[in-house]
Every structure is written in structure tokens, then in C-alpha cells.
Amino acid sequence: LAGFTAVAEARPNDVNALTAIGFVEGRRGRWDRALEAARKVTVLDPRNLGAVGGLAACYLYLRQPNRADEYLRRGLIADPSNEGLLFRTLISLVTGSGDTAAARSTLETLPAGVLPEVRDYYLAWLERFARHYDRANALIERFPQAQLVDSLESLIWQSVNDLAAGASGRARVRADAVDRTARRFLAGSADSVSSMEAANFQTILGLAAAVRGKSVEAVRAGELAAAMLPTTRDALTGQRPAEGLIAIHLILGHTDEAIRLIRAQAHQPAAGWRFPVTRATIRLDPLFDGIRDDPRIQALLADGSAWVVR
């Protein structure tokens, strides 16, 4: 950060330095500084659609989808086929506003050049929200698996869909496969994985244990993941284990602990993952079926101030 700041001080209109500053400040959770840098880039280079998308992303992280949409619409007027802007538009519709009809319409009108996995990913979300679990799992089956963690996350998502569909036996088979593969990988790579990778694998192990009903093992792994990658270290990637731990408690039916964690998570950036915690997903995702009508959750959903990122 110091190097980028020095460049920006020497050349105040250097958009590359300002873009880098905005990125680093966001990861540190300094959102006022991240927004200031992103706004300045869009003023200096208004045709830089990457900068427009970056500013929209900041507002999405800050749980302000309406503000994000202002910039996304502006960018898409300039380039209706911009994949980055379309991708963020879908994020906003699915996990921000929860406008599933608009999300389906957007998916149906995506330009031909958009990668098919973008369509599949968001359509899988929409099918899950509609309780069409087999359709969702068929789409997940088509996801690209560039890394081992990608295939394990897909299997976990499918197993959670299976649970919601009442196919607990199939869910456990998938979870068993995830557990064996993840443990084998960690046993052979303990000294070479980063803290983020290790946290991701612990979250995956925790979710797999939760699907199999192993409560103590699941919570232990989830809490270990959150300790490995706390939000104080990285305000964005640290949300993955935090949201994963909430999902673990929800799967296990730990209502009070899940609600306690959700209340805290509401003040964290909406960084998104397989199990994002937003007002939209609480309303739509089957993961929250067991707590949605709880008066504490209803009060949380109705209180806008509870969702201000600190």
C-alpha cells in the first residue's frame, strides 16, 4: 500500500495507483478510503468500465445494492455486453435485492459470448431458491473444476441441496467423498497450503461433517477455519469461513448460535460465497427455512441499520 500511495502522491491522477489503493483498502476493511479511490478513478477515466465495476463492487460489499445498480446501469449503457458488469449485476439481483424474476430475465438475454458457466452458476442459485434441487444439482455438475477445492465446494453445495430435497442418504454419500478427498489432500500438502486455502478446506470439512450429522466435528472445523482466516486479517476472503460457520450451525439446527452469528455477520461486507448471508438470501435460500420466521430474524430483516457495514 505504501508504494501505491507514494505513486499517487507523486502523480495524483495515476489511475493504476488509485485502483490498487482502492483494492488494498477494501481488503483491509477501510471502505471510506476504498470508495474515495474508486470514485476518483471513475472521474479521471469515465470510460474505464473496469473502474465503474469496481465502484459497484464496493457498494455490493457494503450491502448497498441500489447504489451499486446505479453504476452498473451506467456502465451497461456504454457496453451492454461487458461481462464484468453483467456478472456484478447478477450478484446484485440474486444476493442483493433478491429479484429473481429480473435475474432470470438477465440470464435469458445474456450476450452469446458470455461464458456458459456464468449462466449455469446463477441459474443454479435460482433453481435452488425455487426448490428445484435436481435442476440445481444438474447445473452444478457442469461447473468448471479448475482446482480440487472447486470440485469439493460443488459437491458440498449438491449435498446441501440433497438434504433440502429430503435425500439425506445421497447427501451423506457426497459428504463422505468430500471428507475423504479433503483429508487426503491436507495430509499430503500441510506444509504448502496458504492460510486461505487451509481455511477453505476446514470450512469444507465442517460442512461435510454437518451434512453427516457430526455436530462436534463440524463446529470444531468451522471455528478453526474462522480462526485461520479472521475478517480482521482480510475483510473480504475472511467472510468465507464466517459464512461457512453459519451454514454449519443452520444445517445442524443450532438456531440460537446461528442467529447470534448472523446478527454479527450483518455488519460485515457481503463478500459472497456458496452460502452468503444477506437479507435477500435469508428470505429466499432454503438454508434459512428453519429460522426465517423466528421473531429475532424478522426483526433483523426489518432493521436497515442492522445491515450497515462497520
C-alpha atoms as a PDB file:
ATOM      1  CA  LEU A   1       0.000   0.000   0.000  1.00  0.00           C
ATOM      2  CA  ALA A   2       2.815   2.415   0.854  1.00  0.00           C
ATOM      3  CA  GLY A   3       4.282   2.085  -2.634  1.00  0.00           C
ATOM      4  CA  PHE A   4       0.956   2.752  -4.363  1.00  0.00           C
ATOM      5  CA  THR A   5       0.301   5.700  -2.051  1.00  0.00           C
ATOM      6  CA  ALA A   6       3.699   7.186  -2.878  1.00  0.00           C
ATOM      7  CA  VAL A   7       2.948   6.927  -6.590  1.00  0.00           C
ATOM      8  CA  ALA A   8      -0.477   8.541  -6.108  1.00  0.00           C
ATOM      9  CA  GLU A   9       1.074  11.392  -4.128  1.00  0.00           C
ATOM     10  CA  ALA A  10       3.638  11.987  -6.862  1.00  0.00           C
ATOM     11  CA  ARG A  11       1.090  11.538  -9.648  1.00  0.00           C
ATOM     12  CA  PRO A  12      -2.386  12.264  -8.213  1.00  0.00           C
ATOM     13  CA  ASN A  13      -4.087  11.312 -11.486  1.00  0.00           C
ATOM     14  CA  ASP A  14      -2.449   7.904 -11.834  1.00  0.00           C
ATOM     15  CA  VAL A  15      -5.488   5.642 -12.227  1.00  0.00           C
ATOM     16  CA  ASN A  16      -3.475   2.432 -11.825  1.00  0.00           C
ATOM     17  CA  ALA A  17      -2.134   3.504  -8.444  1.00  0.00           C
ATOM     18  CA  LEU A  18      -5.571   4.670  -7.314  1.00  0.00           C
ATOM     19  CA  THR A  19      -7.148   1.391  -8.438  1.00  0.00           C
ATOM     20  CA  ALA A  20      -4.562  -0.565  -6.442  1.00  0.00           C
ATOM     21  CA  ILE A  21      -5.107   1.631  -3.380  1.00  0.00           C
ATOM     22  CA  GLY A  22      -8.859   1.050  -3.557  1.00  0.00           C
ATOM     23  CA  PHE A  23      -8.357  -2.719  -3.784  1.00  0.00           C
ATOM     24  CA  VAL A  24      -5.966  -2.886  -0.809  1.00  0.00           C
ATOM     25  CA  GLU A  25      -8.058  -0.566   1.349  1.00  0.00           C
ATOM     26  CA  GLY A  26     -11.113  -2.714   0.671  1.00  0.00           C
ATOM     27  CA  ARG A  27      -9.296  -5.855   1.762  1.00  0.00           C
ATOM     28  CA  ARG A  28      -8.360  -4.007   4.940  1.00  0.00           C
ATOM     29  CA  GLY A  29     -11.968  -3.006   5.546  1.00  0.00           C
ATOM     30  CA  ARG A  30     -11.276   0.709   5.143  1.00  0.00           C
ATOM     31  CA  TRP A  31     -14.303   1.303   2.971  1.00  0.00           C
ATOM     32  CA  ASP A  32     -14.323   5.090   3.065  1.00  0.00           C
ATOM     33  CA  ARG A  33     -10.833   5.101   1.547  1.00  0.00           C
ATOM     34  CA  ALA A  34     -11.680   2.347  -0.920  1.00  0.00           C
ATOM     35  CA  LEU A  35     -14.733   4.263  -2.139  1.00  0.00           C
ATOM     36  CA  GLU A  36     -12.782   7.523  -2.379  1.00  0.00           C
ATOM     37  CA  ALA A  37     -10.143   5.919  -4.578  1.00  0.00           C
ATOM     38  CA  ALA A  38     -12.705   4.120  -6.766  1.00  0.00           C
ATOM     39  CA  ARG A  39     -14.779   7.278  -7.258  1.00  0.00           C
ATOM     40  CA  LYS A  40     -11.697   9.266  -8.240  1.00  0.00           C
ATOM     41  CA  VAL A  41     -10.774   6.709 -10.898  1.00  0.00           C
ATOM     42  CA  THR A  42     -14.236   6.926 -12.466  1.00  0.00           C
ATOM     43  CA  VAL A  43     -13.952  10.733 -12.556  1.00  0.00           C
ATOM     44  CA  LEU A  44     -10.473  10.675 -14.089  1.00  0.00           C
ATOM     45  CA  ASP A  45     -11.346   7.969 -16.606  1.00  0.00           C
ATOM     46  CA  PRO A  46     -15.137   7.809 -17.024  1.00  0.00           C
ATOM     47  CA  ARG A  47     -14.854   5.339 -19.909  1.00  0.00           C
ATOM     48  CA  ASN A  48     -12.939   2.871 -17.732  1.00  0.00           C
ATOM     49  CA  LEU A  49     -15.688   0.295 -17.251  1.00  0.00           C
ATOM     50  CA  GLY A  50     -13.452  -1.799 -15.036  1.00  0.00           C
ATOM     51  CA  ALA A  51     -13.361   1.122 -12.615  1.00  0.00           C
ATOM     52  CA  VAL A  52     -17.141   1.514 -12.844  1.00  0.00           C
ATOM     53  CA  GLY A  53     -17.498  -2.176 -11.998  1.00  0.00           C
ATOM     54  CA  GLY A  54     -15.033  -1.818  -9.140  1.00  0.00           C
ATOM     55  CA  LEU A  55     -17.038   1.017  -7.615  1.00  0.00           C
ATOM     56  CA  ALA A  56     -20.231  -1.024  -7.981  1.00  0.00           C
ATOM     57  CA  ALA A  57     -18.466  -3.943  -6.283  1.00  0.00           C
ATOM     58  CA  CYS A  58     -17.592  -1.710  -3.322  1.00  0.00           C
ATOM     59  CA  TYR A  59     -21.260  -0.855  -2.862  1.00  0.00           C
ATOM     60  CA  LEU A  60     -22.209  -4.520  -3.121  1.00  0.00           C
ATOM     61  CA  TYR A  61     -19.674  -5.358  -0.410  1.00  0.00           C
ATOM     62  CA  LEU A  62     -21.204  -2.566   1.678  1.00  0.00           C
ATOM     63  CA  ARG A  63     -24.668  -4.123   1.299  1.00  0.00           C
ATOM     64  CA  GLN A  64     -25.935  -1.225  -0.810  1.00  0.00           C
ATOM     65  CA  PRO A  65     -27.227  -2.935  -3.978  1.00  0.00           C
ATOM     66  CA  ASN A  66     -29.273   0.094  -5.036  1.00  0.00           C
ATOM     67  CA  ARG A  67     -26.151   2.266  -5.183  1.00  0.00           C
ATOM     68  CA  ALA A  68     -24.284  -0.494  -6.995  1.00  0.00           C
ATOM     69  CA  ASP A  69     -27.072  -0.734  -9.564  1.00  0.00           C
ATOM     70  CA  GLU A  70     -26.717   2.966 -10.417  1.00  0.00           C
ATOM     71  CA  TYR A  71     -23.159   2.382 -11.619  1.00  0.00           C
ATOM     72  CA  LEU A  72     -23.897  -0.970 -13.214  1.00  0.00           C
ATOM     73  CA  ARG A  73     -26.684   0.534 -15.330  1.00  0.00           C
ATOM     74  CA  ARG A  74     -24.423   3.406 -16.343  1.00  0.00           C
ATOM     75  CA  GLY A  75     -21.688   1.016 -17.416  1.00  0.00           C
ATOM     76  CA  LEU A  76     -24.031  -1.283 -19.330  1.00  0.00           C
ATOM     77  CA  ILE A  77     -25.373   1.651 -21.315  1.00  0.00           C
ATOM     78  CA  ALA A  78     -21.824   2.161 -22.582  1.00  0.00           C
ATOM     79  CA  ASP A  79     -21.203  -1.567 -23.178  1.00  0.00           C
ATOM     80  CA  PRO A  80     -24.232  -3.885 -22.855  1.00  0.00           C
ATOM     81  CA  SER A  81     -22.039  -6.966 -23.328  1.00  0.00           C
ATOM     82  CA  ASN A  82     -19.423  -6.162 -20.662  1.00  0.00           C
ATOM     83  CA  GLU A  83     -19.040  -9.473 -18.851  1.00  0.00           C
ATOM     84  CA  GLY A  84     -17.719  -7.983 -15.609  1.00  0.00           C
ATOM     85  CA  LEU A  85     -20.665  -5.609 -15.315  1.00  0.00           C
ATOM     86  CA  LEU A  86     -23.161  -8.352 -16.166  1.00  0.00           C
ATOM     87  CA  PHE A  87     -21.571 -10.643 -13.597  1.00  0.00           C
ATOM     88  CA  ARG A  88     -21.921  -7.999 -10.870  1.00  0.00           C
ATOM     89  CA  THR A  89     -25.463  -7.237 -11.994  1.00  0.00           C
ATOM     90  CA  LEU A  90     -26.363 -10.876 -11.392  1.00  0.00           C
ATOM     91  CA  ILE A  91     -24.696 -10.796  -7.976  1.00  0.00           C
ATOM     92  CA  SER A  92     -26.768  -7.732  -7.120  1.00  0.00           C
ATOM     93  CA  LEU A  93     -30.023  -9.286  -8.308  1.00  0.00           C
ATOM     94  CA  VAL A  94     -29.518 -12.699  -6.711  1.00  0.00           C
ATOM     95  CA  THR A  95     -27.905 -11.877  -3.348  1.00  0.00           C
ATOM     96  CA  GLY A  96     -28.503  -8.131  -3.094  1.00  0.00           C
ATOM     97  CA  SER A  97     -32.089  -7.299  -3.967  1.00  0.00           C
ATOM     98  CA  GLY A  98     -33.275 -10.897  -4.362  1.00  0.00           C
ATOM     99  CA  ASP A  99     -35.120 -10.000  -7.562  1.00  0.00           C
ATOM    100  CA  THR A 100     -35.278 -13.496  -9.029  1.00  0.00           C
ATOM    101  CA  ALA A 101     -37.515 -12.504 -11.948  1.00  0.00           C
ATOM    102  CA  ALA A 102     -35.064  -9.819 -13.064  1.00  0.00           C
ATOM    103  CA  ALA A 103     -32.177 -12.250 -12.596  1.00  0.00           C
ATOM    104  CA  ARG A 104     -33.854 -14.835 -14.850  1.00  0.00           C
ATOM    105  CA  SER A 105     -34.572 -12.144 -17.430  1.00  0.00           C
ATOM    106  CA  THR A 106     -30.938 -11.049 -17.352  1.00  0.00           C
ATOM    107  CA  LEU A 107     -29.744 -14.633 -17.782  1.00  0.00           C
ATOM    108  CA  GLU A 108     -32.073 -15.150 -20.740  1.00  0.00           C
ATOM    109  CA  THR A 109     -30.727 -12.087 -22.519  1.00  0.00           C
ATOM    110  CA  LEU A 110     -27.011 -12.509 -21.834  1.00  0.00           C
ATOM    111  CA  PRO A 111     -24.890 -11.966 -24.953  1.00  0.00           C
ATOM    112  CA  ALA A 112     -23.747 -15.095 -26.766  1.00  0.00           C
ATOM    113  CA  GLY A 113     -20.123 -14.521 -25.816  1.00  0.00           C
ATOM    114  CA  VAL A 114     -20.673 -14.780 -22.061  1.00  0.00           C
ATOM    115  CA  LEU A 115     -19.087 -17.879 -20.584  1.00  0.00           C
ATOM    116  CA  PRO A 116     -21.684 -20.650 -20.097  1.00  0.00           C
ATOM    117  CA  GLU A 117     -20.531 -21.232 -16.509  1.00  0.00           C
ATOM    118  CA  VAL A 118     -21.770 -17.735 -15.620  1.00  0.00           C
ATOM    119  CA  ARG A 119     -25.270 -18.713 -16.742  1.00  0.00           C
ATOM    120  CA  ASP A 120     -25.040 -22.094 -15.012  1.00  0.00           C
ATOM    121  CA  TYR A 121     -23.823 -20.634 -11.714  1.00  0.00           C
ATOM    122  CA  TYR A 122     -26.601 -18.106 -11.288  1.00  0.00           C
ATOM    123  CA  LEU A 123     -29.279 -20.350 -12.711  1.00  0.00           C
ATOM    124  CA  ALA A 124     -28.242 -22.953 -10.115  1.00  0.00           C
ATOM    125  CA  TRP A 125     -28.905 -20.342  -7.430  1.00  0.00           C
ATOM    126  CA  LEU A 126     -32.310 -19.534  -8.868  1.00  0.00           C
ATOM    127  CA  GLU A 127     -33.281 -23.198  -9.160  1.00  0.00           C
ATOM    128  CA  ARG A 128     -32.256 -23.746  -5.545  1.00  0.00           C
ATOM    129  CA  PHE A 129     -34.334 -20.758  -4.455  1.00  0.00           C
ATOM    130  CA  ALA A 130     -37.273 -22.239  -6.402  1.00  0.00           C
ATOM    131  CA  ARG A 131     -36.745 -25.586  -4.593  1.00  0.00           C
ATOM    132  CA  HIS A 132     -35.855 -27.310  -7.862  1.00  0.00           C
ATOM    133  CA  TYR A 133     -32.955 -29.152  -6.293  1.00  0.00           C
ATOM    134  CA  ASP A 134     -32.347 -31.737  -9.014  1.00  0.00           C
ATOM    135  CA  ARG A 135     -32.175 -28.995 -11.627  1.00  0.00           C
ATOM    136  CA  ALA A 136     -29.763 -27.032  -9.457  1.00  0.00           C
ATOM    137  CA  ASN A 137     -27.531 -30.071  -8.982  1.00  0.00           C
ATOM    138  CA  ALA A 138     -27.529 -30.829 -12.700  1.00  0.00           C
ATOM    139  CA  LEU A 139     -26.255 -27.292 -13.338  1.00  0.00           C
ATOM    140  CA  ILE A 140     -23.629 -27.578 -10.598  1.00  0.00           C
ATOM    141  CA  GLU A 141     -22.426 -30.775 -12.293  1.00  0.00           C
ATOM    142  CA  ARG A 142     -21.399 -28.625 -15.268  1.00  0.00           C
ATOM    143  CA  PHE A 143     -19.309 -26.145 -13.268  1.00  0.00           C
ATOM    144  CA  PRO A 144     -15.642 -25.977 -14.326  1.00  0.00           C
ATOM    145  CA  GLN A 145     -13.369 -27.679 -11.806  1.00  0.00           C
ATOM    146  CA  ALA A 146     -10.049 -25.888 -12.258  1.00  0.00           C
ATOM    147  CA  GLN A 147      -8.858 -26.836  -8.778  1.00  0.00           C
ATOM    148  CA  LEU A 148      -9.638 -29.545  -6.253  1.00  0.00           C
ATOM    149  CA  VAL A 149     -11.335 -27.038  -3.964  1.00  0.00           C
ATOM    150  CA  ASP A 150     -13.745 -26.165  -6.787  1.00  0.00           C
ATOM    151  CA  SER A 151     -14.963 -29.743  -7.111  1.00  0.00           C
ATOM    152  CA  LEU A 152     -15.278 -30.152  -3.333  1.00  0.00           C
ATOM    153  CA  GLU A 153     -17.279 -26.937  -2.982  1.00  0.00           C
ATOM    154  CA  SER A 154     -19.569 -28.110  -5.782  1.00  0.00           C
ATOM    155  CA  LEU A 155     -20.080 -31.470  -4.072  1.00  0.00           C
ATOM    156  CA  ILE A 156     -20.896 -29.748  -0.780  1.00  0.00           C
ATOM    157  CA  TRP A 157     -23.395 -27.466  -2.482  1.00  0.00           C
ATOM    158  CA  GLN A 158     -25.006 -30.507  -4.115  1.00  0.00           C
ATOM    159  CA  SER A 159     -25.129 -32.352  -0.797  1.00  0.00           C
ATOM    160  CA  VAL A 160     -26.860 -29.397   0.885  1.00  0.00           C
ATOM    161  CA  ASN A 161     -29.365 -29.408  -1.982  1.00  0.00           C
ATOM    162  CA  ASP A 162     -29.881 -33.123  -1.418  1.00  0.00           C
ATOM    163  CA  LEU A 163     -30.564 -32.504   2.266  1.00  0.00           C
ATOM    164  CA  ALA A 164     -33.128 -29.839   1.431  1.00  0.00           C
ATOM    165  CA  ALA A 165     -34.774 -32.252  -1.014  1.00  0.00           C
ATOM    166  CA  GLY A 166     -35.025 -34.939   1.673  1.00  0.00           C
ATOM    167  CA  ALA A 167     -32.406 -37.159   0.021  1.00  0.00           C
ATOM    168  CA  SER A 168     -30.264 -37.480   3.142  1.00  0.00           C
ATOM    169  CA  GLY A 169     -28.627 -40.740   2.045  1.00  0.00           C
ATOM    170  CA  ARG A 170     -27.378 -39.206  -1.200  1.00  0.00           C
ATOM    171  CA  ALA A 171     -26.250 -36.129   0.716  1.00  0.00           C
ATOM    172  CA  ARG A 172     -24.166 -38.268   3.077  1.00  0.00           C
ATOM    173  CA  VAL A 173     -22.563 -40.153   0.179  1.00  0.00           C
ATOM    174  CA  ARG A 174     -21.393 -36.863  -1.338  1.00  0.00           C
ATOM    175  CA  ALA A 175     -20.249 -35.557   2.055  1.00  0.00           C
ATOM    176  CA  ASP A 176     -18.284 -38.755   2.729  1.00  0.00           C
ATOM    177  CA  ALA A 177     -16.488 -38.337  -0.600  1.00  0.00           C
ATOM    178  CA  VAL A 178     -15.690 -34.717   0.221  1.00  0.00           C
ATOM    179  CA  ASP A 179     -14.347 -35.639   3.655  1.00  0.00           C
ATOM    180  CA  ARG A 180     -12.054 -38.384   2.332  1.00  0.00           C
ATOM    181  CA  THR A 181     -10.687 -36.273  -0.506  1.00  0.00           C
ATOM    182  CA  ALA A 182     -10.121 -33.145   1.590  1.00  0.00           C
ATOM    183  CA  ARG A 183      -8.350 -35.069   4.370  1.00  0.00           C
ATOM    184  CA  ARG A 184      -6.143 -36.883   1.867  1.00  0.00           C
ATOM    185  CA  PHE A 185      -5.178 -33.574   0.253  1.00  0.00           C
ATOM    186  CA  LEU A 186      -4.401 -31.865   3.558  1.00  0.00           C
ATOM    187  CA  ALA A 187      -2.342 -34.835   4.777  1.00  0.00           C
ATOM    188  CA  GLY A 188      -0.110 -34.553   1.727  1.00  0.00           C
ATOM    189  CA  SER A 189       0.023 -30.762   1.476  1.00  0.00           C
ATOM    190  CA  ALA A 190       0.048 -29.500   5.059  1.00  0.00           C
ATOM    191  CA  ASP A 191       3.258 -27.513   4.594  1.00  0.00           C
ATOM    192  CA  SER A 192       2.439 -25.975   1.235  1.00  0.00           C
ATOM    193  CA  VAL A 193      -1.109 -24.583   1.527  1.00  0.00           C
ATOM    194  CA  SER A 194      -1.762 -20.933   2.343  1.00  0.00           C
ATOM    195  CA  SER A 195      -3.820 -19.877   5.331  1.00  0.00           C
ATOM    196  CA  MET A 196      -6.704 -19.045   2.980  1.00  0.00           C
ATOM    197  CA  GLU A 197      -6.556 -22.494   1.346  1.00  0.00           C
ATOM    198  CA  ALA A 198      -6.318 -24.214   4.728  1.00  0.00           C
ATOM    199  CA  ALA A 199      -9.313 -22.241   5.998  1.00  0.00           C
ATOM    200  CA  ASN A 200     -11.319 -23.122   2.886  1.00  0.00           C
ATOM    201  CA  PHE A 201     -10.596 -26.822   3.366  1.00  0.00           C
ATOM    202  CA  GLN A 202     -11.511 -26.682   7.061  1.00  0.00           C
ATOM    203  CA  THR A 203     -14.808 -24.996   6.152  1.00  0.00           C
ATOM    204  CA  ILE A 204     -15.454 -27.728   3.597  1.00  0.00           C
ATOM    205  CA  LEU A 205     -14.682 -30.413   6.204  1.00  0.00           C
ATOM    206  CA  GLY A 206     -17.012 -28.698   8.668  1.00  0.00           C
ATOM    207  CA  LEU A 207     -19.858 -28.587   6.165  1.00  0.00           C
ATOM    208  CA  ALA A 208     -19.296 -32.222   5.219  1.00  0.00           C
ATOM    209  CA  ALA A 209     -19.444 -33.206   8.880  1.00  0.00           C
ATOM    210  CA  ALA A 210     -22.613 -31.153   9.385  1.00  0.00           C
ATOM    211  CA  VAL A 211     -24.324 -32.899   6.458  1.00  0.00           C
ATOM    212  CA  ARG A 212     -23.463 -36.225   8.115  1.00  0.00           C
ATOM    213  CA  GLY A 213     -24.816 -35.010  11.469  1.00  0.00           C
ATOM    214  CA  LYS A 214     -21.440 -34.931  13.221  1.00  0.00           C
ATOM    215  CA  SER A 215     -22.085 -31.825  15.291  1.00  0.00           C
ATOM    216  CA  VAL A 216     -18.931 -31.551  17.403  1.00  0.00           C
ATOM    217  CA  GLU A 217     -16.614 -32.297  14.488  1.00  0.00           C
ATOM    218  CA  ALA A 218     -18.460 -29.860  12.226  1.00  0.00           C
ATOM    219  CA  VAL A 219     -18.386 -26.917  14.620  1.00  0.00           C
ATOM    220  CA  ARG A 220     -14.752 -27.570  15.526  1.00  0.00           C
ATOM    221  CA  ALA A 221     -13.685 -27.455  11.878  1.00  0.00           C
ATOM    222  CA  GLY A 222     -15.807 -24.378  11.162  1.00  0.00           C
ATOM    223  CA  GLU A 223     -14.417 -22.481  14.132  1.00  0.00           C
ATOM    224  CA  LEU A 224     -10.864 -23.490  13.203  1.00  0.00           C
ATOM    225  CA  ALA A 225     -11.413 -22.114   9.691  1.00  0.00           C
ATOM    226  CA  ALA A 226     -12.683 -18.804  11.071  1.00  0.00           C
ATOM    227  CA  ALA A 227      -9.650 -18.572  13.371  1.00  0.00           C
ATOM    228  CA  MET A 228      -7.274 -19.311  10.479  1.00  0.00           C
ATOM    229  CA  LEU A 229      -8.688 -16.520   8.314  1.00  0.00           C
ATOM    230  CA  PRO A 230     -10.365 -13.907  10.527  1.00  0.00           C
ATOM    231  CA  THR A 231     -12.177 -10.954   8.999  1.00  0.00           C
ATOM    232  CA  THR A 232      -9.706  -8.686  10.800  1.00  0.00           C
ATOM    233  CA  ARG A 233      -6.950 -10.066   8.570  1.00  0.00           C
ATOM    234  CA  ASP A 234      -8.885  -9.859   5.316  1.00  0.00           C
ATOM    235  CA  ALA A 235     -12.243  -8.097   5.213  1.00  0.00           C
ATOM    236  CA  LEU A 236     -13.283  -9.970   2.068  1.00  0.00           C
ATOM    237  CA  THR A 237     -11.910 -13.513   1.987  1.00  0.00           C
ATOM    238  CA  GLY A 238     -12.404 -13.726   5.749  1.00  0.00           C
ATOM    239  CA  GLN A 239     -16.149 -13.783   5.107  1.00  0.00           C
ATOM    240  CA  ARG A 240     -15.947 -17.277   3.601  1.00  0.00           C
ATOM    241  CA  PRO A 241     -15.213 -19.167   6.825  1.00  0.00           C
ATOM    242  CA  ALA A 242     -17.517 -16.830   8.771  1.00  0.00           C
ATOM    243  CA  GLU A 243     -20.441 -17.604   6.463  1.00  0.00           C
ATOM    244  CA  GLY A 244     -19.428 -21.260   6.345  1.00  0.00           C
ATOM    245  CA  LEU A 245     -19.693 -21.489  10.142  1.00  0.00           C
ATOM    246  CA  ILE A 246     -23.200 -20.006   9.985  1.00  0.00           C
ATOM    247  CA  ALA A 247     -24.165 -22.587   7.365  1.00  0.00           C
ATOM    248  CA  ILE A 248     -22.797 -25.357   9.593  1.00  0.00           C
ATOM    249  CA  HIS A 249     -24.962 -24.260  12.520  1.00  0.00           C
ATOM    250  CA  LEU A 250     -28.008 -23.911  10.278  1.00  0.00           C
ATOM    251  CA  ILE A 251     -27.559 -27.408   8.851  1.00  0.00           C
ATOM    252  CA  LEU A 252     -27.220 -28.795  12.380  1.00  0.00           C
ATOM    253  CA  GLY A 253     -30.301 -26.905  13.589  1.00  0.00           C
ATOM    254  CA  HIS A 254     -28.390 -24.775  16.097  1.00  0.00           C
ATOM    255  CA  THR A 255     -30.891 -21.917  15.916  1.00  0.00           C
ATOM    256  CA  ASP A 256     -29.632 -19.662  18.710  1.00  0.00           C
ATOM    257  CA  GLU A 257     -25.985 -19.828  17.677  1.00  0.00           C
ATOM    258  CA  ALA A 258     -26.824 -19.327  14.010  1.00  0.00           C
ATOM    259  CA  ILE A 259     -28.888 -16.228  14.791  1.00  0.00           C
ATOM    260  CA  ARG A 260     -26.152 -14.825  17.024  1.00  0.00           C
ATOM    261  CA  LEU A 261     -23.616 -15.219  14.218  1.00  0.00           C
ATOM    262  CA  ILE A 262     -25.995 -13.837  11.574  1.00  0.00           C
ATOM    263  CA  ARG A 263     -26.511 -10.681  13.635  1.00  0.00           C
ATOM    264  CA  ALA A 264     -22.749 -10.159  13.738  1.00  0.00           C
ATOM    265  CA  GLN A 265     -22.344 -11.041  10.058  1.00  0.00           C
ATOM    266  CA  ALA A 266     -24.908  -8.401   9.053  1.00  0.00           C
ATOM    267  CA  HIS A 267     -22.297  -5.741   9.855  1.00  0.00           C
ATOM    268  CA  GLN A 268     -19.633  -7.459   7.743  1.00  0.00           C
ATOM    269  CA  PRO A 269     -19.114  -6.963   3.992  1.00  0.00           C
ATOM    270  CA  ALA A 270     -21.292  -9.067   1.697  1.00  0.00           C
ATOM    271  CA  ALA A 271     -18.357 -10.760   0.017  1.00  0.00           C
ATOM    272  CA  GLY A 272     -20.451 -13.648  -1.287  1.00  0.00           C
ATOM    273  CA  TRP A 273     -19.745 -17.370  -1.466  1.00  0.00           C
ATOM    274  CA  ARG A 274     -21.823 -20.528  -1.730  1.00  0.00           C
ATOM    275  CA  PHE A 275     -23.775 -19.571   1.394  1.00  0.00           C
ATOM    276  CA  PRO A 276     -23.924 -15.749   1.533  1.00  0.00           C
ATOM    277  CA  VAL A 277     -25.750 -14.108   4.416  1.00  0.00           C
ATOM    278  CA  THR A 278     -27.838 -11.193   3.119  1.00  0.00           C
ATOM    279  CA  ARG A 279     -31.396 -10.047   3.625  1.00  0.00           C
ATOM    280  CA  ALA A 280     -32.219 -11.478   0.195  1.00  0.00           C
ATOM    281  CA  THR A 281     -30.735 -14.908   0.844  1.00  0.00           C
ATOM    282  CA  ILE A 282     -32.388 -15.150   4.253  1.00  0.00           C
ATOM    283  CA  ARG A 283     -35.713 -14.548   2.503  1.00  0.00           C
ATOM    284  CA  LEU A 284     -35.048 -16.935  -0.396  1.00  0.00           C
ATOM    285  CA  ASP A 285     -32.486 -19.625   0.395  1.00  0.00           C
ATOM    286  CA  PRO A 286     -33.792 -22.934   1.816  1.00  0.00           C
ATOM    287  CA  LEU A 287     -30.794 -22.943   4.169  1.00  0.00           C
ATOM    288  CA  PHE A 288     -32.662 -20.382   6.272  1.00  0.00           C
ATOM    289  CA  ASP A 289     -36.051 -22.129   6.248  1.00  0.00           C
ATOM    290  CA  GLY A 290     -35.693 -23.237   9.856  1.00  0.00           C
ATOM    291  CA  ILE A 291     -35.122 -19.743  11.247  1.00  0.00           C
ATOM    292  CA  ARG A 292     -36.834 -17.400   8.760  1.00  0.00           C
ATOM    293  CA  ASP A 293     -39.999 -16.993  10.833  1.00  0.00           C
ATOM    294  CA  ASP A 294     -38.149 -16.576  14.111  1.00  0.00           C
ATOM    295  CA  PRO A 295     -39.083 -13.147  15.573  1.00  0.00           C
ATOM    296  CA  ARG A 296     -35.392 -12.314  16.001  1.00  0.00           C
ATOM    297  CA  ILE A 297     -34.750 -12.857  12.278  1.00  0.00           C
ATOM    298  CA  GLN A 298     -37.881 -10.972  11.277  1.00  0.00           C
ATOM    299  CA  ALA A 299     -36.750  -8.026  13.403  1.00  0.00           C
ATOM    300  CA  LEU A 300     -33.284  -8.205  11.859  1.00  0.00           C
ATOM    301  CA  LEU A 301     -34.672  -8.195   8.323  1.00  0.00           C
ATOM    302  CA  ALA A 302     -36.830  -5.160   9.093  1.00  0.00           C
ATOM    303  CA  ASP A 303     -34.000  -3.125  10.642  1.00  0.00           C
ATOM    304  CA  GLY A 304     -31.951  -1.395   7.948  1.00  0.00           C
ATOM    305  CA  SER A 305     -29.432  -0.112  10.495  1.00  0.00           C
ATOM    306  CA  ALA A 306     -28.591  -3.713  11.419  1.00  0.00           C
ATOM    307  CA  TRP A 307     -27.103  -4.188   7.944  1.00  0.00           C
ATOM    308  CA  VAL A 308     -24.695  -1.263   7.912  1.00  0.00           C
ATOM    309  CA  VAL A 309     -21.139  -2.460   7.360  1.00  0.00           C
ATOM    310  CA  ARG A 310     -18.804  -1.230  10.076  1.00  0.00           C
END
